[in-house]
Amino acid sequence: MKFADPKNDLAFKKIFGNENHKNILISFLNSVLNFTDEKVIVDVELANPYQVPRIPELKETILDIKATNKNNDTFIVEMQRKNLGDFSKRSLYYTSKAYVSQLPKGHDYTLLKKVYFIGILNFNIFDNNSYISRHLIINQETNTQDLKDFEFSFIELPKFNKSLEELDSILDKWIFFIKNVSDLKIIPKQYEKIKEFKEAFEIVTQTAWDEKELELYDYVGLKEFDEINALRTAQRKAIKQGIEQGIEQGIEQEKLNIAKNLLDILDNETISKKTNLSIEDIEKLRNDI
């Protein structure tokens, strides 16, 4: 079998934003947010359900997941493969935007509902060792969560290193699935008896995809590769330029050091010939000393 990579934006949306398989998203949300008992999500309404986009749309659109539950709480789930910087600020922006958009101008603020942001990152941004971190607004004096309408969860995939045999929770299974499923050849026994995972594996089986979806999946993958390659090229150029500038500055400084040692024994013209410094530079150096 050939499984698609959930870290590909299109595949991620196809798995977790599927109107016909909302139970997959529900399972994922409950596991990430650790919802139990009365907090368990039993149904969601997708604000942007999956549909095969056109290539021009992919150039501008972020394929994230937005959903609401029966309490009208909002859930934003975003897969971010590349570290473009300031992701924490980006998450704050999208969460606050979703919060404000709930309320038309002039309405009662008490109608505002909680917004949960879940960021799945293919890179690290925090110093904590755990692959998942939860961020709340906490009262510094009382250590209580008095402002409850914003909650952020970040999953840093590079920090997740569990093997199949070490998966001991539904959350572990979801993170392993997202990080590693494209490297698997068969459905592992750890997933066979769980309905949501059985459906998720069916969705990522590329032999079931139509031609348009396969084309877009490859397009997204190549686009991401090109962006990463362009960034690396820019970094290499910057490093090379910095090294060259450093060498030039080092040479110039060495010339000045030699000139300083010759000021007491040679005239400006002779020093200029020995160091290739201009007579003006040497005269300035003599005046500074």
Protein backbone atom coordinates (compact mmCIF):
# COMPACT_ATOMS: atom_id res chain seq x y z
CA MET A 1 0.00 0.00 0.00
CA LYS A 2 1.03 3.59 -0.57
CA PHE A 3 -0.23 6.01 2.06
CA ALA A 4 -0.36 9.77 1.59
CA ASP A 5 1.53 12.04 3.98
CA PRO A 6 -0.87 13.86 6.36
CA LYS A 7 1.69 16.65 6.65
CA ASN A 8 0.80 17.55 3.06
CA ASP A 9 -1.85 20.29 3.34
CA LEU A 10 -4.23 18.63 0.90
CA ALA A 11 -4.00 15.22 2.56
CA PHE A 12 -4.43 16.76 6.00
CA LYS A 13 -7.63 18.50 4.95
CA LYS A 14 -8.91 15.35 3.25
CA ILE A 15 -8.42 13.35 6.47
CA PHE A 16 -9.59 15.76 9.15
CA GLY A 17 -11.95 18.01 7.21
CA ASN A 18 -14.03 15.26 5.67
CA GLU A 19 -17.79 15.83 6.05
CA ASN A 20 -18.44 12.10 5.69
CA HIS A 21 -15.92 11.17 8.38
CA LYS A 22 -16.37 13.81 11.08
CA ASN A 23 -15.75 11.13 13.70
CA ILE A 24 -12.05 11.28 12.73
CA LEU A 25 -11.79 14.95 13.66
CA ILE A 26 -13.87 14.39 16.80
CA SER A 27 -11.53 11.61 17.96
CA PHE A 28 -8.51 13.79 17.28
CA LEU A 29 -9.92 16.83 19.11
CA ASN A 30 -11.01 14.83 22.16
CA SER A 31 -7.59 13.22 22.42
CA VAL A 32 -5.59 16.44 22.02
CA LEU A 33 -7.77 18.45 24.41
CA ASN A 34 -8.15 15.53 26.80
CA PHE A 35 -11.93 15.94 26.87
CA THR A 36 -13.77 13.45 29.05
CA ASP A 37 -17.25 13.04 30.55
CA GLU A 38 -19.47 16.07 29.89
CA LYS A 39 -16.76 17.85 27.87
CA VAL A 40 -16.50 15.10 25.24
CA ILE A 41 -17.24 16.37 21.75
CA VAL A 42 -19.97 14.24 20.18
CA ASP A 43 -20.55 16.20 16.98
CA VAL A 44 -18.97 19.04 15.03
CA GLU A 45 -20.00 21.28 12.20
CA LEU A 46 -17.25 21.91 9.68
CA ALA A 47 -16.94 25.54 8.64
CA ASN A 48 -14.77 24.64 5.65
CA PRO A 49 -15.33 20.98 4.69
CA TYR A 50 -12.92 19.31 2.28
CA GLN A 51 -13.46 19.70 -1.41
CA VAL A 52 -10.94 19.34 -4.18
CA PRO A 53 -9.56 22.84 -4.70
CA ARG A 54 -8.22 24.31 -7.90
CA ILE A 55 -4.48 24.91 -8.20
CA PRO A 56 -4.86 28.74 -8.32
CA GLU A 57 -6.66 28.59 -4.96
CA LEU A 58 -3.77 26.65 -3.40
CA LYS A 59 -1.40 29.54 -4.04
CA GLU A 60 -3.18 31.70 -1.47
CA THR A 61 -5.33 29.44 0.70
CA ILE A 62 -4.22 27.84 3.95
CA LEU A 63 -5.88 24.46 4.19
CA ASP A 64 -6.66 24.44 7.89
CA ILE A 65 -9.66 22.95 9.68
CA LYS A 66 -12.38 25.02 11.35
CA ALA A 67 -15.23 23.43 13.26
CA THR A 68 -17.76 24.16 16.00
CA ASN A 69 -19.44 21.90 18.54
CA LYS A 70 -22.96 21.96 19.99
CA ASN A 71 -21.91 24.74 22.42
CA ASN A 72 -20.70 26.83 19.47
CA ASP A 73 -17.10 26.65 20.67
CA THR A 74 -14.70 27.09 17.75
CA PHE A 75 -11.84 24.73 16.95
CA ILE A 76 -9.03 25.68 14.59
CA VAL A 77 -6.61 22.93 13.57
CA GLU A 78 -3.63 23.81 11.41
CA MET A 79 -0.82 21.70 10.01
CA GLN A 80 2.37 23.73 9.51
CA ARG A 81 5.21 21.96 7.72
CA LYS A 82 7.65 24.84 7.34
CA ASN A 83 8.99 27.16 10.00
CA LEU A 84 8.37 30.57 8.48
CA GLY A 85 8.93 32.37 11.78
CA ASP A 86 6.55 33.94 14.33
CA PHE A 87 4.15 30.98 14.29
CA SER A 88 3.06 31.82 17.84
CA LYS A 89 1.99 35.29 16.71
CA ARG A 90 0.24 33.78 13.70
CA SER A 91 -1.75 31.46 15.97
CA LEU A 92 -2.74 34.42 18.17
CA TYR A 93 -3.87 36.33 15.11
CA TYR A 94 -6.05 33.55 13.70
CA THR A 95 -7.55 32.75 17.09
CA SER A 96 -8.44 36.35 17.88
CA LYS A 97 -9.82 36.80 14.36
CA ALA A 98 -12.08 33.76 14.81
CA TYR A 99 -13.16 35.08 18.22
CA VAL A 100 -14.06 38.56 16.97
CA SER A 101 -15.87 37.26 13.89
CA GLN A 102 -18.46 35.54 16.10
CA LEU A 103 -20.01 38.84 17.07
CA PRO A 104 -21.56 41.35 14.67
CA LYS A 105 -20.97 44.97 15.65
CA GLY A 106 -23.03 46.18 18.59
CA HIS A 107 -24.04 42.76 19.93
CA ASP A 108 -23.75 41.43 23.48
CA TYR A 109 -20.21 40.30 24.36
CA THR A 110 -21.63 37.53 26.52
CA LEU A 111 -22.51 35.71 23.30
CA LEU A 112 -18.83 35.15 22.51
CA LYS A 113 -17.75 31.49 22.74
CA LYS A 114 -14.41 29.86 23.41
CA VAL A 115 -11.85 29.35 20.65
CA TYR A 116 -9.37 26.46 20.69
CA PHE A 117 -6.31 26.60 18.46
CA ILE A 118 -4.37 23.41 17.72
CA GLY A 119 -1.13 23.76 15.80
CA ILE A 120 0.62 20.66 14.49
CA LEU A 121 4.18 21.67 13.69
CA ASN A 122 6.86 19.83 11.76
CA PHE A 123 9.45 21.84 13.71
CA ASN A 124 10.11 22.96 17.29
CA ILE A 125 9.30 26.37 18.74
CA PHE A 126 9.32 25.85 22.53
CA ASP A 127 11.96 24.76 25.05
CA ASN A 128 9.75 22.14 26.71
CA ASN A 129 10.62 18.47 26.22
CA SER A 130 7.06 17.21 25.74
CA TYR A 131 5.77 16.95 22.17
CA ILE A 132 2.50 18.61 23.20
CA SER A 133 2.08 21.81 25.20
CA ARG A 134 -1.05 23.60 26.34
CA HIS A 135 -1.14 27.39 26.70
CA LEU A 136 -3.76 29.24 28.75
CA ILE A 137 -4.24 32.78 30.06
CA ILE A 138 -3.36 32.43 33.74
CA ASN A 139 -3.77 34.91 36.60
CA GLN A 140 -0.21 35.41 37.85
CA GLU A 141 -1.32 36.13 41.41
CA THR A 142 -3.75 33.24 41.90
CA ASN A 143 -2.56 30.82 39.21
CA THR A 144 -6.17 30.47 38.05
CA GLN A 145 -7.61 30.64 34.55
CA ASP A 146 -9.93 33.63 34.90
CA LEU A 147 -9.90 34.47 31.18
CA LYS A 148 -11.10 31.23 29.62
CA ASP A 149 -12.03 32.05 26.03
CA PHE A 150 -8.65 31.30 24.46
CA GLU A 151 -6.74 28.05 24.57
CA PHE A 152 -3.76 26.94 22.51
CA SER A 153 -2.30 23.48 22.02
CA PHE A 154 0.89 22.93 20.05
CA ILE A 155 2.14 19.56 18.86
CA GLU A 156 5.83 19.57 17.87
CA LEU A 157 6.32 16.47 15.74
CA PRO A 158 10.16 16.29 15.97
CA LYS A 159 9.82 15.74 19.73
CA PHE A 160 7.60 12.68 19.25
CA ASN A 161 9.84 9.63 19.05
CA LYS A 162 7.65 6.76 20.23
CA SER A 163 7.67 3.47 18.36
CA LEU A 164 4.53 1.53 17.47
CA GLU A 165 4.98 -0.66 20.53
CA GLU A 166 5.12 2.39 22.82
CA LEU A 167 1.80 3.92 21.75
CA ASP A 168 -0.36 3.86 24.87
CA SER A 169 -3.08 6.43 24.14
CA ILE A 170 -5.32 7.57 21.32
CA LEU A 171 -3.34 10.81 21.16
CA ASP A 172 -0.09 8.86 20.73
CA LYS A 173 -1.67 6.93 17.90
CA TRP A 174 -2.84 10.10 16.16
CA ILE A 175 0.57 11.77 16.39
CA PHE A 176 2.35 8.64 15.19
CA PHE A 177 -0.14 8.42 12.33
CA ILE A 178 0.43 12.03 11.26
CA LYS A 179 4.20 11.80 11.52
CA ASN A 180 4.85 8.32 10.12
CA VAL A 181 1.96 6.87 8.13
CA SER A 182 3.50 7.74 4.75
CA ASP A 183 6.44 5.46 5.64
CA LEU A 184 4.23 2.46 6.43
CA LYS A 185 3.38 -0.36 4.01
CA ILE A 186 0.52 -1.96 5.94
CA ILE A 187 -1.95 -0.97 8.65
CA PRO A 188 -0.29 -1.78 12.02
CA LYS A 189 -2.13 -4.07 14.42
CA GLN A 190 -2.32 -1.21 16.95
CA TYR A 191 -4.82 0.54 14.68
CA GLU A 192 -6.89 -2.30 13.23
CA LYS A 193 -9.73 -2.36 15.79
CA ILE A 194 -10.31 1.40 16.12
CA LYS A 195 -13.02 2.66 13.75
CA GLU A 196 -11.65 6.19 13.31
CA PHE A 197 -8.19 4.95 12.42
CA LYS A 198 -9.53 2.34 10.06
CA GLU A 199 -11.32 5.11 8.16
CA ALA A 200 -8.27 7.38 8.31
CA PHE A 201 -6.10 4.67 6.75
CA GLU A 202 -8.69 4.19 4.02
CA ILE A 203 -8.60 7.91 3.28
CA VAL A 204 -4.81 8.09 3.00
CA THR A 205 -4.64 5.04 0.72
CA GLN A 206 -3.76 6.78 -2.51
CA THR A 207 -5.07 4.05 -4.79
CA ALA A 208 -8.54 5.28 -3.79
CA TRP A 209 -7.80 8.87 -4.87
CA ASP A 210 -8.97 10.27 -8.17
CA GLU A 211 -6.59 11.70 -10.75
CA LYS A 212 -7.28 15.32 -9.79
CA GLU A 213 -6.52 14.70 -6.10
CA LEU A 214 -3.27 12.93 -6.93
CA GLU A 215 -2.25 15.80 -9.19
CA LEU A 216 -2.97 18.37 -6.47
CA TYR A 217 -1.22 16.29 -3.81
CA ASP A 218 1.93 16.20 -5.93
CA TYR A 219 1.59 19.90 -6.70
CA VAL A 220 1.41 20.81 -3.00
CA GLY A 221 4.40 18.58 -2.23
CA LEU A 222 6.51 20.13 -5.00
CA LYS A 223 5.44 23.63 -4.00
CA GLU A 224 6.53 22.99 -0.41
CA PHE A 225 9.83 21.51 -1.62
CA ASP A 226 10.48 24.54 -3.85
CA GLU A 227 9.78 26.94 -0.97
CA ILE A 228 12.06 25.03 1.39
CA ASN A 229 14.80 24.86 -1.28
CA ALA A 230 14.47 28.59 -1.97
CA LEU A 231 14.82 29.33 1.75
CA ARG A 232 17.89 27.10 2.07
CA THR A 233 19.46 28.71 -1.00
CA ALA A 234 18.88 32.16 0.48
CA GLN A 235 20.43 31.03 3.77
CA ARG A 236 23.50 29.61 1.98
CA LYS A 237 23.93 32.84 0.03
CA ALA A 238 23.65 34.89 3.21
CA ILE A 239 26.21 32.69 4.98
CA LYS A 240 28.60 32.86 2.01
CA GLN A 241 28.19 36.61 1.78
CA GLY A 242 28.79 36.95 5.51
CA ILE A 243 31.96 34.85 5.31
CA GLU A 244 33.28 36.88 2.38
CA GLN A 245 32.52 40.14 4.16
CA GLY A 246 34.19 38.80 7.30
CA ILE A 247 37.32 37.85 5.35
CA GLU A 248 37.46 41.27 3.70
CA GLN A 249 37.02 43.00 7.04
CA GLY A 250 39.71 40.80 8.55
CA ILE A 251 42.16 41.64 5.76
CA GLU A 252 41.49 45.37 6.12
CA GLN A 253 42.00 45.17 9.88
CA GLU A 254 45.28 43.32 9.41
CA LYS A 255 46.47 46.03 7.02
CA LEU A 256 45.65 48.67 9.62
CA ASN A 257 47.49 46.73 12.31
CA ILE A 258 50.60 46.51 10.11
CA ALA A 259 50.35 50.20 9.26
CA LYS A 260 50.17 51.11 12.95
CA ASN A 261 53.42 49.26 13.62
CA LEU A 262 55.17 51.09 10.77
CA LEU A 263 54.09 54.63 11.62
CA ASP A 264 57.16 55.34 13.76
CA ILE A 265 59.70 54.10 11.23
CA LEU A 266 58.31 54.78 7.74
CA ASP A 267 56.68 57.67 5.89
CA ASN A 268 53.08 57.56 4.63
CA GLU A 269 53.97 56.81 1.01
CA THR A 270 56.17 53.83 1.92
CA ILE A 271 53.52 52.43 4.31
CA SER A 272 50.95 52.80 1.54
CA LYS A 273 53.08 50.72 -0.82
CA LYS A 274 53.63 48.03 1.82
CA THR A 275 49.96 47.69 2.86
CA ASN A 276 47.98 48.86 -0.20
CA LEU A 277 46.20 51.33 2.06
CA SER A 278 45.59 54.82 0.70
CA ILE A 279 47.72 57.68 1.92
CA GLU A 280 44.53 59.31 3.24
CA ASP A 281 43.80 56.22 5.37
CA ILE A 282 47.32 56.21 6.75
CA GLU A 283 47.19 59.93 7.51
CA LYS A 284 43.89 59.43 9.34
CA LEU A 285 45.37 56.53 11.28
CA ARG A 286 48.38 58.69 12.24
CA ASN A 287 46.11 61.52 13.39
CA ASP A 288 43.91 59.14 15.42
CA ILE A 289 46.91 57.74 17.24
